[in-house]
C-alpha atoms as a PDB file:
ATOM      1  CA  MET A   1     -37.745-114.752  76.295  1.00  0.00           C
ATOM      2  CA  GLU A   2     -34.019-115.091  75.995  1.00  0.00           C
ATOM      3  CA  SER A   3     -32.352-114.971  72.614  1.00  0.00           C
ATOM      4  CA  GLY A   4     -28.689-115.496  73.334  1.00  0.00           C
ATOM      5  CA  ASN A   5     -27.840-112.274  75.137  1.00  0.00           C
ATOM      6  CA  ILE A   6     -30.690-110.330  73.491  1.00  0.00           C
ATOM      7  CA  ASN A   7     -34.365-110.385  74.435  1.00  0.00           C
ATOM      8  CA  LEU A   8     -36.401-110.560  71.233  1.00  0.00           C
ATOM      9  CA  ILE A   9     -40.047-109.644  71.497  1.00  0.00           C
ATOM     10  CA  PRO A  10     -42.835-110.196  68.971  1.00  0.00           C
ATOM     11  CA  CYS A  11     -43.701-107.104  66.933  1.00  0.00           C
ATOM     12  CA  LYS A  12     -46.452-106.456  64.419  1.00  0.00           C
ATOM     13  CA  GLU A  13     -46.490-104.386  61.224  1.00  0.00           C
ATOM     14  CA  GLY A  14     -49.881-104.337  59.571  1.00  0.00           C
ATOM     15  CA  GLU A  15     -51.188-107.883  59.783  1.00  0.00           C
ATOM     16  CA  LYS A  16     -47.773-109.605  59.919  1.00  0.00           C
ATOM     17  CA  TRP A  17     -45.504-110.516  62.834  1.00  0.00           C
ATOM     18  CA  GLY A  18     -41.754-110.567  63.382  1.00  0.00           C
ATOM     19  CA  PHE A  19     -39.338-109.874  66.234  1.00  0.00           C
ATOM     20  CA  ALA A  20     -37.718-106.736  67.601  1.00  0.00           C
ATOM     21  CA  THR A  21     -35.309-105.767  70.341  1.00  0.00           C
ATOM     22  CA  PRO A  22     -36.817-104.152  73.454  1.00  0.00           C
ATOM     23  CA  ASP A  23     -35.874-100.713  72.068  1.00  0.00           C
ATOM     24  CA  GLY A  24     -38.034-101.351  68.980  1.00  0.00           C
ATOM     25  CA  LYS A  25     -35.412-102.262  66.362  1.00  0.00           C
ATOM     26  CA  VAL A  26     -36.905-104.940  64.077  1.00  0.00           C
ATOM     27  CA  VAL A  27     -34.346-107.730  63.697  1.00  0.00           C
ATOM     28  CA  ILE A  28     -36.544-110.445  62.140  1.00  0.00           C
ATOM     29  CA  SER A  29     -38.824-108.971  59.482  1.00  0.00           C
ATOM     30  CA  CYS A  30     -42.587-109.008  59.931  1.00  0.00           C
ATOM     31  CA  LYS A  31     -43.622-111.650  57.413  1.00  0.00           C
ATOM     32  CA  TYR A  32     -45.343-114.259  59.583  1.00  0.00           C
ATOM     33  CA  ASP A  33     -49.070-114.716  60.236  1.00  0.00           C
ATOM     34  CA  SER A  34     -48.313-115.696  63.860  1.00  0.00           C
ATOM     35  CA  VAL A  35     -45.228-116.046  66.045  1.00  0.00           C
ATOM     36  CA  TRP A  36     -44.555-117.594  69.432  1.00  0.00           C
ATOM     37  CA  ASN A  37     -41.898-116.678  71.981  1.00  0.00           C
ATOM     38  CA  PHE A  38     -38.354-117.955  71.663  1.00  0.00           C
ATOM     39  CA  SER A  39     -37.473-120.982  73.766  1.00  0.00           C
ATOM     40  CA  GLU A  40     -34.035-122.594  73.739  1.00  0.00           C
ATOM     41  CA  GLY A  41     -33.030-120.498  70.714  1.00  0.00           C
ATOM     42  CA  LEU A  42     -36.047-121.296  68.505  1.00  0.00           C
ATOM     43  CA  ALA A  43     -39.432-119.686  67.897  1.00  0.00           C
ATOM     44  CA  LYS A  44     -42.480-121.299  66.314  1.00  0.00           C
ATOM     45  CA  VAL A  45     -43.858-119.329  63.356  1.00  0.00           C
ATOM     46  CA  GLU A  46     -46.876-119.672  61.053  1.00  0.00           C
ATOM     47  CA  ILE A  47     -47.387-118.791  57.397  1.00  0.00           C
ATOM     48  CA  LYS A  48     -50.656-119.707  55.641  1.00  0.00           C
ATOM     49  CA  ASN A  49     -51.641-122.308  58.279  1.00  0.00           C
ATOM     50  CA  LYS A  50     -48.229-124.016  57.998  1.00  0.00           C
ATOM     51  CA  TYR A  51     -45.870-124.081  60.962  1.00  0.00           C
ATOM     52  CA  GLY A  52     -42.113-124.139  61.338  1.00  0.00           C
ATOM     53  CA  TYR A  53     -39.310-122.853  63.559  1.00  0.00           C
ATOM     54  CA  ILE A  54     -36.800-120.046  63.152  1.00  0.00           C
ATOM     55  CA  ASN A  55     -33.550-119.416  64.992  1.00  0.00           C
ATOM     56  CA  GLU A  56     -32.447-116.153  66.600  1.00  0.00           C
ATOM     57  CA  GLN A  57     -31.059-114.908  63.265  1.00  0.00           C
ATOM     58  CA  GLY A  58     -34.414-115.408  61.510  1.00  0.00           C
ATOM     59  CA  GLN A  59     -33.338-118.475  59.530  1.00  0.00           C
ATOM     60  CA  GLU A  60     -35.924-121.236  59.136  1.00  0.00           C
ATOM     61  CA  VAL A  61     -34.455-124.314  60.780  1.00  0.00           C
ATOM     62  CA  ILE A  62     -37.705-126.230  60.252  1.00  0.00           C
ATOM     63  CA  PRO A  63     -39.486-124.896  57.134  1.00  0.00           C
ATOM     64  CA  CYS A  64     -43.092-123.683  57.358  1.00  0.00           C
ATOM     65  CA  LYS A  65     -44.559-126.643  55.525  1.00  0.00           C
ATOM     66  CA  TYR A  66     -46.151-128.643  58.331  1.00  0.00           C
END
């Protein structure tokens, strides 16, 4: 999955998910119940059965309320 010039991959800490660089540096903290791969600069995320989208910087561009 392309994230600008950086490949971000899902990573898990405990029961929560976030994103890390291929070398293992967590860049989007593990606070989500589920995450999907980035596509066109956005990734679908889930918190408490609510879904939204985050950008490559970890900002919610569509809040997890749907």
